[in-house]
């Protein structure tokens, strides 16, 4: 499965197009699971950093599961960032095989 990303354009509530290196300030990377649960993973400053942290988190979760631990792997990682109106909005979705 390919790693895919969807980013928000300026019309998504942000004043600039969100690219791999756009400074997001203090954005949150959240792991979302197929059953609807979610888990905060890290504070990130851009999409590139979010990808790296998501890959590492995914590998760690997978390793723990393979060693008999409990839990599940996220089906998507979401980057939430503060938009122009001050609300938290989705800046990026990171999907796919992250190992």
PDB file of N, CA and C in Angstrom:
ATOM      1  N   UNK A   1       0.857  -1.167   0.000  1.00  0.00           N
ATOM      2  CA  UNK A   1       0.000   0.000   0.000  1.00  0.00           C
ATOM      3  C   UNK A   1       0.906   1.234   0.000  1.00  0.00           C
ATOM      4  N   UNK A   2       0.582   2.197  -0.802  1.00  0.00           N
ATOM      5  CA  UNK A   2       1.385   3.417  -0.881  1.00  0.00           C
ATOM      6  C   UNK A   2       1.037   4.384   0.230  1.00  0.00           C
ATOM      7  N   UNK A   3       2.022   5.174   0.617  1.00  0.00           N
ATOM      8  CA  UNK A   3       1.811   6.213   1.618  1.00  0.00           C
ATOM      9  C   UNK A   3       1.199   7.418   0.906  1.00  0.00           C
ATOM     10  N   UNK A   4       0.009   7.821   1.305  1.00  0.00           N
ATOM     11  CA  UNK A   4      -0.651   8.956   0.661  1.00  0.00           C
ATOM     12  C   UNK A   4      -0.920  10.047   1.668  1.00  0.00           C
ATOM     13  N   UNK A   5      -0.933  11.256   1.179  1.00  0.00           N
ATOM     14  CA  UNK A   5      -1.185  12.404   2.037  1.00  0.00           C
ATOM     15  C   UNK A   5      -2.145  13.340   1.342  1.00  0.00           C
ATOM     16  N   UNK A   6      -3.058  13.884   2.119  1.00  0.00           N
ATOM     17  CA  UNK A   6      -3.930  14.921   1.597  1.00  0.00           C
ATOM     18  C   UNK A   6      -3.675  16.150   2.452  1.00  0.00           C
ATOM     19  N   UNK A   7      -3.343  17.254   1.815  1.00  0.00           N
ATOM     20  CA  UNK A   7      -3.112  18.489   2.557  1.00  0.00           C
ATOM     21  C   UNK A   7      -4.189  19.498   2.206  1.00  0.00           C
ATOM     22  N   UNK A   8      -4.389  20.451   3.093  1.00  0.00           N
ATOM     23  CA  UNK A   8      -5.390  21.491   2.891  1.00  0.00           C
ATOM     24  C   UNK A   8      -4.811  22.643   2.074  1.00  0.00           C
ATOM     25  N   UNK A   9      -5.574  23.158   1.150  1.00  0.00           N
ATOM     26  CA  UNK A   9      -5.211  24.364   0.400  1.00  0.00           C
ATOM     27  C   UNK A   9      -5.600  25.578   1.243  1.00  0.00           C
ATOM     28  N   UNK A  10      -5.273  26.759   0.768  1.00  0.00           N
ATOM     29  CA  UNK A  10      -5.579  27.992   1.502  1.00  0.00           C
ATOM     30  C   UNK A  10      -7.062  28.074   1.857  1.00  0.00           C
ATOM     31  N   UNK A  11      -7.938  27.543   1.011  1.00  0.00           N
ATOM     32  CA  UNK A  11      -9.368  27.610   1.274  1.00  0.00           C
ATOM     33  C   UNK A  11      -9.790  26.727   2.445  1.00  0.00           C
ATOM     34  N   UNK A  12      -8.891  25.890   2.960  1.00  0.00           N
ATOM     35  CA  UNK A  12      -9.211  25.019   4.082  1.00  0.00           C
ATOM     36  C   UNK A  12      -9.130  25.723   5.424  1.00  0.00           C
ATOM     37  N   UNK A  13      -9.019  27.047   5.429  1.00  0.00           N
ATOM     38  CA  UNK A  13      -8.960  27.785   6.672  1.00  0.00           C
ATOM     39  C   UNK A  13      -7.565  28.248   7.043  1.00  0.00           C
ATOM     40  N   UNK A  14      -6.578  27.847   6.255  1.00  0.00           N
ATOM     41  CA  UNK A  14      -5.205  28.270   6.501  1.00  0.00           C
ATOM     42  C   UNK A  14      -4.859  29.399   5.530  1.00  0.00           C
ATOM     43  N   UNK A  15      -3.913  30.263   5.910  1.00  0.00           N
ATOM     44  CA  UNK A  15      -3.590  31.398   5.048  1.00  0.00           C
ATOM     45  C   UNK A  15      -2.627  31.040   3.918  1.00  0.00           C
ATOM     46  N   UNK A  16      -2.027  29.855   3.969  1.00  0.00           N
ATOM     47  CA  UNK A  16      -1.119  29.400   2.912  1.00  0.00           C
ATOM     48  C   UNK A  16      -1.422  27.949   2.592  1.00  0.00           C
ATOM     49  N   UNK A  17      -0.950  27.492   1.447  1.00  0.00           N
ATOM     50  CA  UNK A  17      -1.047  26.075   1.129  1.00  0.00           C
ATOM     51  C   UNK A  17      -0.106  25.324   2.068  1.00  0.00           C
ATOM     52  N   UNK A  18      -0.589  24.234   2.614  1.00  0.00           N
ATOM     53  CA  UNK A  18       0.221  23.432   3.529  1.00  0.00           C
ATOM     54  C   UNK A  18       1.090  22.498   2.693  1.00  0.00           C
ATOM     55  N   UNK A  19       2.409  22.660   2.817  1.00  0.00           N
ATOM     56  CA  UNK A  19       3.360  21.793   2.124  1.00  0.00           C
ATOM     57  C   UNK A  19       4.120  20.967   3.154  1.00  0.00           C
ATOM     58  N   UNK A  20       5.048  20.157   2.703  1.00  0.00           N
ATOM     59  CA  UNK A  20       5.850  19.318   3.598  1.00  0.00           C
ATOM     60  C   UNK A  20       6.602  20.131   4.649  1.00  0.00           C
ATOM     61  N   UNK A  21       7.017  21.349   4.287  1.00  0.00           N
ATOM     62  CA  UNK A  21       7.868  22.131   5.190  1.00  0.00           C
ATOM     63  C   UNK A  21       7.194  23.380   5.758  1.00  0.00           C
ATOM     64  N   UNK A  22       5.909  23.571   5.505  1.00  0.00           N
ATOM     65  CA  UNK A  22       5.199  24.729   6.060  1.00  0.00           C
ATOM     66  C   UNK A  22       5.239  24.688   7.584  1.00  0.00           C
ATOM     67  N   UNK A  23       5.638  25.797   8.204  1.00  0.00           N
ATOM     68  CA  UNK A  23       5.671  25.880   9.667  1.00  0.00           C
ATOM     69  C   UNK A  23       4.238  25.909  10.187  1.00  0.00           C
ATOM     70  N   UNK A  24       3.857  24.889  10.926  1.00  0.00           N
ATOM     71  CA  UNK A  24       2.499  24.777  11.458  1.00  0.00           C
ATOM     72  C   UNK A  24       2.393  25.282  12.886  1.00  0.00           C
ATOM     73  N   UNK A  25       3.477  25.825  13.411  1.00  0.00           N
ATOM     74  CA  UNK A  25       3.480  26.206  14.820  1.00  0.00           C
ATOM     75  C   UNK A  25       3.561  24.946  15.647  1.00  0.00           C
ATOM     76  N   UNK A  26       2.648  24.783  16.586  1.00  0.00           N
ATOM     77  CA  UNK A  26       2.583  23.566  17.398  1.00  0.00           C
ATOM     78  C   UNK A  26       1.355  22.769  16.974  1.00  0.00           C
ATOM     79  N   UNK A  27       1.553  21.863  16.039  1.00  0.00           N
ATOM     80  CA  UNK A  27       0.469  21.021  15.536  1.00  0.00           C
ATOM     81  C   UNK A  27       0.493  19.682  16.264  1.00  0.00           C
ATOM     82  N   UNK A  28      -0.649  19.019  16.312  1.00  0.00           N
ATOM     83  CA  UNK A  28      -0.754  17.721  16.984  1.00  0.00           C
ATOM     84  C   UNK A  28      -0.879  16.601  15.966  1.00  0.00           C
ATOM     85  N   UNK A  29      -0.087  15.556  16.158  1.00  0.00           N
ATOM     86  CA  UNK A  29      -0.204  14.338  15.367  1.00  0.00           C
ATOM     87  C   UNK A  29      -1.041  13.352  16.180  1.00  0.00           C
ATOM     88  N   UNK A  30      -2.146  12.906  15.586  1.00  0.00           N
ATOM     89  CA  UNK A  30      -3.088  12.018  16.267  1.00  0.00           C
ATOM     90  C   UNK A  30      -3.217  10.721  15.478  1.00  0.00           C
ATOM     91  N   UNK A  31      -3.123   9.586  16.163  1.00  0.00           N
ATOM     92  CA  UNK A  31      -3.362   8.282  15.545  1.00  0.00           C
ATOM     93  C   UNK A  31      -4.843   7.964  15.688  1.00  0.00           C
ATOM     94  N   UNK A  32      -5.481   7.614  14.566  1.00  0.00           N
ATOM     95  CA  UNK A  32      -6.889   7.217  14.601  1.00  0.00           C
ATOM     96  C   UNK A  32      -7.000   5.752  14.203  1.00  0.00           C
ATOM     97  N   UNK A  33      -7.882   5.040  14.903  1.00  0.00           N
ATOM     98  CA  UNK A  33      -8.032   3.611  14.710  1.00  0.00           C
ATOM     99  C   UNK A  33      -9.362   3.296  14.033  1.00  0.00           C
ATOM    100  N   UNK A  34      -9.432   2.128  13.414  1.00  0.00           N
ATOM    101  CA  UNK A  34     -10.627   1.739  12.668  1.00  0.00           C
ATOM    102  C   UNK A  34     -11.876   1.686  13.545  1.00  0.00           C
ATOM    103  N   UNK A  35     -11.702   1.449  14.842  1.00  0.00           N
ATOM    104  CA  UNK A  35     -12.863   1.342  15.730  1.00  0.00           C
ATOM    105  C   UNK A  35     -13.351   2.706  16.226  1.00  0.00           C
ATOM    106  N   UNK A  36     -12.732   3.799  15.734  1.00  0.00           N
ATOM    107  CA  UNK A  36     -13.168   5.137  16.114  1.00  0.00           C
ATOM    108  C   UNK A  36     -12.371   5.762  17.241  1.00  0.00           C
ATOM    109  N   UNK A  37     -11.540   4.990  17.906  1.00  0.00           N
ATOM    110  CA  UNK A  37     -10.711   5.546  18.966  1.00  0.00           C
ATOM    111  C   UNK A  37      -9.549   6.330  18.371  1.00  0.00           C
ATOM    112  N   UNK A  38      -8.949   7.182  19.173  1.00  0.00           N
ATOM    113  CA  UNK A  38      -7.796   7.953  18.732  1.00  0.00           C
ATOM    114  C   UNK A  38      -6.827   8.115  19.884  1.00  0.00           C
ATOM    115  N   UNK A  39      -5.579   8.455  19.529  1.00  0.00           N
ATOM    116  CA  UNK A  39      -4.547   8.613  20.543  1.00  0.00           C
ATOM    117  C   UNK A  39      -3.577   9.715  20.110  1.00  0.00           C
ATOM    118  N   UNK A  40      -3.330  10.707  20.964  1.00  0.00           N
ATOM    119  CA  UNK A  40      -2.316  11.711  20.643  1.00  0.00           C
ATOM    120  C   UNK A  40      -0.957  11.030  20.543  1.00  0.00           C
ATOM    121  N   UNK A  41      -0.159  11.434  19.563  1.00  0.00           N
ATOM    122  CA  UNK A  41       1.156  10.833  19.362  1.00  0.00           C
ATOM    123  C   UNK A  41       2.262  11.818  19.714  1.00  0.00           C
ATOM    124  N   UNK A  42       2.208  13.040  19.134  1.00  0.00           N
ATOM    125  CA  UNK A  42       3.294  13.997  19.351  1.00  0.00           C
ATOM    126  C   UNK A  42       2.874  15.382  18.885  1.00  0.00           C
ATOM    127  N   UNK A  43       3.620  16.372  19.353  1.00  0.00           N
ATOM    128  CA  UNK A  43       3.528  17.725  18.806  1.00  0.00           C
ATOM    129  C   UNK A  43       4.557  17.795  17.682  1.00  0.00           C
ATOM    130  N   UNK A  44       4.124  18.286  16.519  1.00  0.00           N
ATOM    131  CA  UNK A  44       5.012  18.399  15.358  1.00  0.00           C
ATOM    132  C   UNK A  44       4.954  19.823  14.816  1.00  0.00           C
ATOM    133  N   UNK A  45       5.977  20.195  14.053  1.00  0.00           N
ATOM    134  CA  UNK A  45       6.019  21.550  13.510  1.00  0.00           C
ATOM    135  C   UNK A  45       5.750  21.623  12.018  1.00  0.00           C
ATOM    136  N   UNK A  46       5.842  20.487  11.309  1.00  0.00           N
ATOM    137  CA  UNK A  46       5.533  20.476   9.877  1.00  0.00           C
ATOM    138  C   UNK A  46       5.158  19.059   9.444  1.00  0.00           C
ATOM    139  N   UNK A  47       4.719  18.924   8.213  1.00  0.00           N
ATOM    140  CA  UNK A  47       4.258  17.634   7.694  1.00  0.00           C
ATOM    141  C   UNK A  47       5.408  16.642   7.598  1.00  0.00           C
ATOM    142  N   UNK A  48       6.578  17.099   7.201  1.00  0.00           N
ATOM    143  CA  UNK A  48       7.743  16.209   7.095  1.00  0.00           C
ATOM    144  C   UNK A  48       8.029  15.550   8.446  1.00  0.00           C
ATOM    145  N   UNK A  49       8.034  16.353   9.496  1.00  0.00           N
ATOM    146  CA  UNK A  49       8.266  15.811  10.837  1.00  0.00           C
ATOM    147  C   UNK A  49       7.133  14.857  11.223  1.00  0.00           C
ATOM    148  N   UNK A  50       5.906  15.193  10.876  1.00  0.00           N
ATOM    149  CA  UNK A  50       4.758  14.334  11.188  1.00  0.00           C
ATOM    150  C   UNK A  50       4.913  12.970  10.541  1.00  0.00           C
ATOM    151  N   UNK A  51       5.366  12.931   9.287  1.00  0.00           N
ATOM    152  CA  UNK A  51       5.592  11.648   8.595  1.00  0.00           C
ATOM    153  C   UNK A  51       6.625  10.801   9.332  1.00  0.00           C
ATOM    154  N   UNK A  52       7.733  11.433   9.724  1.00  0.00           N
ATOM    155  CA  UNK A  52       8.793  10.707  10.423  1.00  0.00           C
ATOM    156  C   UNK A  52       8.285  10.142  11.743  1.00  0.00           C
ATOM    157  N   UNK A  53       7.569  10.954  12.502  1.00  0.00           N
ATOM    158  CA  UNK A  53       7.051  10.510  13.795  1.00  0.00           C
ATOM    159  C   UNK A  53       5.992   9.430  13.590  1.00  0.00           C
ATOM    160  N   UNK A  54       5.128   9.577  12.589  1.00  0.00           N
ATOM    161  CA  UNK A  54       4.094   8.576  12.308  1.00  0.00           C
ATOM    162  C   UNK A  54       4.735   7.242  11.936  1.00  0.00           C
ATOM    163  N   UNK A  55       5.771   7.268  11.087  1.00  0.00           N
ATOM    164  CA  UNK A  55       6.478   6.039  10.717  1.00  0.00           C
ATOM    165  C   UNK A  55       7.052   5.349  11.953  1.00  0.00           C
ATOM    166  N   UNK A  56       7.694   6.117  12.801  1.00  0.00           N
ATOM    167  CA  UNK A  56       8.299   5.562  14.007  1.00  0.00           C
ATOM    168  C   UNK A  56       7.233   4.992  14.944  1.00  0.00           C
ATOM    169  N   UNK A  57       6.156   5.725  15.138  1.00  0.00           N
ATOM    170  CA  UNK A  57       5.070   5.269  16.004  1.00  0.00           C
ATOM    171  C   UNK A  57       4.448   3.995  15.453  1.00  0.00           C
ATOM    172  N   UNK A  58       4.225   3.941  14.139  1.00  0.00           N
ATOM    173  CA  UNK A  58       3.626   2.781  13.500  1.00  0.00           C
ATOM    174  C   UNK A  58       4.522   1.556  13.684  1.00  0.00           C
ATOM    175  N   UNK A  59       5.830   1.727  13.451  1.00  0.00           N
ATOM    176  CA  UNK A  59       6.783   0.616  13.621  1.00  0.00           C
ATOM    177  C   UNK A  59       6.786   0.123  15.069  1.00  0.00           C
ATOM    178  N   UNK A  60       6.794   1.072  16.024  1.00  0.00           N
ATOM    179  CA  UNK A  60       6.794   0.685  17.441  1.00  0.00           C
ATOM    180  C   UNK A  60       5.540  -0.086  17.816  1.00  0.00           C
ATOM    181  N   UNK A  61       4.392   0.380  17.356  1.00  0.00           N
ATOM    182  CA  UNK A  61       3.134  -0.314  17.662  1.00  0.00           C
ATOM    183  C   UNK A  61       3.121  -1.714  17.041  1.00  0.00           C
ATOM    184  N   UNK A  62       3.590  -1.799  15.789  1.00  0.00           N
ATOM    185  CA  UNK A  62       3.623  -3.083  15.093  1.00  0.00           C
ATOM    186  C   UNK A  62       4.553  -4.059  15.819  1.00  0.00           C
ATOM    187  N   UNK A  63       5.715  -3.596  16.235  1.00  0.00           N
ATOM    188  CA  UNK A  63       6.678  -4.430  16.951  1.00  0.00           C
ATOM    189  C   UNK A  63       6.069  -4.953  18.253  1.00  0.00           C
ATOM    190  N   UNK A  64       5.404  -4.064  19.006  1.00  0.00           N
ATOM    191  CA  UNK A  64       4.780  -4.488  20.261  1.00  0.00           C
ATOM    192  C   UNK A  64       3.702  -5.549  20.022  1.00  0.00           C
ATOM    193  N   UNK A  65       2.912  -5.379  18.947  1.00  0.00           N
ATOM    194  CA  UNK A  65       1.877  -6.362  18.624  1.00  0.00           C
ATOM    195  C   UNK A  65       2.498  -7.700  18.265  1.00  0.00           C
ATOM    196  N   UNK A  66       3.582  -7.670  17.481  1.00  0.00           N
ATOM    197  CA  UNK A  66       4.264  -8.905  17.078  1.00  0.00           C
ATOM    198  C   UNK A  66       4.875  -9.620  18.273  1.00  0.00           C
ATOM    199  N   UNK A  67       5.180  -8.899  19.339  1.00  0.00           N
ATOM    200  CA  UNK A  67       5.747  -9.489  20.543  1.00  0.00           C
ATOM    201  C   UNK A  67       4.667  -9.908  21.537  1.00  0.00           C
ATOM    202  N   UNK A  68       3.420  -9.883  21.080  1.00  0.00           N
ATOM    203  CA  UNK A  68       2.326 -10.352  21.914  1.00  0.00           C
ATOM    204  C   UNK A  68       1.636  -9.281  22.731  1.00  0.00           C
ATOM    205  N   UNK A  69       1.986  -8.026  22.505  1.00  0.00           N
ATOM    206  CA  UNK A  69       1.347  -6.937  23.227  1.00  0.00           C
ATOM    207  C   UNK A  69      -0.081  -6.714  22.749  1.00  0.00           C
ATOM    208  N   UNK A  70      -0.809  -5.930  23.504  1.00  0.00           N
ATOM    209  CA  UNK A  70      -2.187  -5.617  23.145  1.00  0.00           C
ATOM    210  C   UNK A  70      -2.248  -4.313  22.367  1.00  0.00           C
ATOM    211  N   UNK A  71      -3.368  -4.101  21.702  1.00  0.00           N
ATOM    212  CA  UNK A  71      -3.580  -2.873  20.957  1.00  0.00           C
ATOM    213  C   UNK A  71      -3.851  -3.152  19.496  1.00  0.00           C
ATOM    214  N   UNK A  72      -3.752  -2.112  18.692  1.00  0.00           N
ATOM    215  CA  UNK A  72      -3.967  -2.234  17.256  1.00  0.00           C
ATOM    216  C   UNK A  72      -3.185  -1.139  16.555  1.00  0.00           C
ATOM    217  N   UNK A  73      -3.005  -1.331  15.260  1.00  0.00           N
ATOM    218  CA  UNK A  73      -2.302  -0.325  14.471  1.00  0.00           C
ATOM    219  C   UNK A  73      -3.290   0.730  13.975  1.00  0.00           C
ATOM    220  N   UNK A  74      -2.885   2.001  13.967  1.00  0.00           N
ATOM    221  CA  UNK A  74      -3.764   3.055  13.450  1.00  0.00           C
ATOM    222  C   UNK A  74      -4.040   2.854  11.964  1.00  0.00           C
ATOM    223  N   UNK A  75      -5.206   3.268  11.514  1.00  0.00           N
ATOM    224  CA  UNK A  75      -5.482   3.214  10.082  1.00  0.00           C
ATOM    225  C   UNK A  75      -5.160   4.550   9.412  1.00  0.00           C
ATOM    226  N   UNK A  76      -4.996   5.617  10.207  1.00  0.00           N
ATOM    227  CA  UNK A  76      -4.630   6.927   9.662  1.00  0.00           C
ATOM    228  C   UNK A  76      -4.008   7.765  10.781  1.00  0.00           C
ATOM    229  N   UNK A  77      -3.084   8.611  10.389  1.00  0.00           N
ATOM    230  CA  UNK A  77      -2.534   9.618  11.299  1.00  0.00           C
ATOM    231  C   UNK A  77      -3.031  10.971  10.792  1.00  0.00           C
ATOM    232  N   UNK A  78      -3.508  11.812  11.696  1.00  0.00           N
ATOM    233  CA  UNK A  78      -4.056  13.116  11.338  1.00  0.00           C
ATOM    234  C   UNK A  78      -3.205  14.208  11.994  1.00  0.00           C
ATOM    235  N   UNK A  79      -2.863  15.232  11.209  1.00  0.00           N
ATOM    236  CA  UNK A  79      -2.166  16.396  11.747  1.00  0.00           C
ATOM    237  C   UNK A  79      -3.193  17.507  11.904  1.00  0.00           C
ATOM    238  N   UNK A  80      -3.385  17.947  13.140  1.00  0.00           N
ATOM    239  CA  UNK A  80      -4.287  19.047  13.452  1.00  0.00           C
ATOM    240  C   UNK A  80      -3.463  20.296  13.726  1.00  0.00           C
ATOM    241  N   UNK A  81      -3.837  21.413  13.109  1.00  0.00           N
ATOM    242  CA  UNK A  81      -3.115  22.672  13.314  1.00  0.00           C
ATOM    243  C   UNK A  81      -4.118  23.810  13.465  1.00  0.00           C
ATOM    244  N   UNK A  82      -3.672  24.897  14.080  1.00  0.00           N
ATOM    245  CA  UNK A  82      -4.530  26.066  14.287  1.00  0.00           C
ATOM    246  C   UNK A  82      -4.671  26.825  12.963  1.00  0.00           C
ATOM    247  N   UNK A  83      -5.896  27.068  12.544  1.00  0.00           N
ATOM    248  CA  UNK A  83      -6.198  27.797  11.311  1.00  0.00           C
ATOM    249  C   UNK A  83      -6.319  29.291  11.594  1.00  0.00           C
ATOM    250  N   UNK A  84      -6.602  30.065  10.562  1.00  0.00           N
ATOM    251  CA  UNK A  84      -6.715  31.516  10.695  1.00  0.00           C
ATOM    252  C   UNK A  84      -7.753  31.956  11.718  1.00  0.00           C
ATOM    253  N   UNK A  85      -8.850  31.212  11.797  1.00  0.00           N
ATOM    254  CA  UNK A  85      -9.921  31.588  12.722  1.00  0.00           C
ATOM    255  C   UNK A  85      -9.657  31.123  14.160  1.00  0.00           C
ATOM    256  N   UNK A  86      -8.491  30.520  14.392  1.00  0.00           N
ATOM    257  CA  UNK A  86      -8.136  30.060  15.723  1.00  0.00           C
ATOM    258  C   UNK A  86      -8.605  28.648  16.041  1.00  0.00           C
ATOM    259  N   UNK A  87      -9.415  28.078  15.166  1.00  0.00           N
ATOM    260  CA  UNK A  87      -9.905  26.713  15.361  1.00  0.00           C
ATOM    261  C   UNK A  87      -8.856  25.703  14.910  1.00  0.00           C
ATOM    262  N   UNK A  88      -8.888  24.529  15.517  1.00  0.00           N
ATOM    263  CA  UNK A  88      -8.029  23.432  15.079  1.00  0.00           C
ATOM    264  C   UNK A  88      -8.669  22.780  13.867  1.00  0.00           C
ATOM    265  N   UNK A  89      -7.878  22.613  12.810  1.00  0.00           N
ATOM    266  CA  UNK A  89      -8.366  21.995  11.569  1.00  0.00           C
ATOM    267  C   UNK A  89      -7.374  20.943  11.101  1.00  0.00           C
ATOM    268  N   UNK A  90      -7.850  20.048  10.266  1.00  0.00           N
ATOM    269  CA  UNK A  90      -6.971  19.018   9.715  1.00  0.00           C
ATOM    270  C   UNK A  90      -6.063  19.645   8.665  1.00  0.00           C
ATOM    271  N   UNK A  91      -4.759  19.533   8.888  1.00  0.00           N
ATOM    272  CA  UNK A  91      -3.764  20.046   7.935  1.00  0.00           C
ATOM    273  C   UNK A  91      -3.310  18.937   7.008  1.00  0.00           C
ATOM    274  N   UNK A  92      -3.374  17.673   7.473  1.00  0.00           N
ATOM    275  CA  UNK A  92      -2.855  16.567   6.676  1.00  0.00           C
ATOM    276  C   UNK A  92      -3.354  15.240   7.222  1.00  0.00           C
ATOM    277  N   UNK A  93      -3.585  14.284   6.322  1.00  0.00           N
ATOM    278  CA  UNK A  93      -3.869  12.908   6.699  1.00  0.00           C
ATOM    279  C   UNK A  93      -2.753  12.048   6.134  1.00  0.00           C
ATOM    280  N   UNK A  94      -2.182  11.197   6.952  1.00  0.00           N
ATOM    281  CA  UNK A  94      -1.114  10.302   6.515  1.00  0.00           C
ATOM    282  C   UNK A  94      -1.666   8.891   6.605  1.00  0.00           C
ATOM    283  N   UNK A  95      -1.776   8.242   5.448  1.00  0.00           N
ATOM    284  CA  UNK A  95      -2.355   6.904   5.365  1.00  0.00           C
ATOM    285  C   UNK A  95      -1.359   5.951   4.727  1.00  0.00           C
ATOM    286  N   UNK A  96      -1.642   4.699   4.863  1.00  0.00           N
ATOM    287  CA  UNK A  96      -0.861   3.710   4.132  1.00  0.00           C
ATOM    288  C   UNK A  96       0.157   2.998   4.999  1.00  0.00           C
ATOM    289  N   UNK A  97       0.932   2.190   4.362  1.00  0.00           N
ATOM    290  CA  UNK A  97       1.953   1.385   5.024  1.00  0.00           C
ATOM    291  C   UNK A  97       3.107   2.289   5.419  1.00  0.00           C
ATOM    292  N   UNK A  98       3.405   2.369   6.689  1.00  0.00           N
ATOM    293  CA  UNK A  98       4.379   3.335   7.196  1.00  0.00           C
ATOM    294  C   UNK A  98       5.685   2.706   7.640  1.00  0.00           C
ATOM    295  N   UNK A  99       5.889   1.429   7.404  1.00  0.00           N
ATOM    296  CA  UNK A  99       7.141   0.799   7.842  1.00  0.00           C
ATOM    297  C   UNK A  99       8.270   1.057   6.890  1.00  0.00           C
TER     298      UNK A  99
END
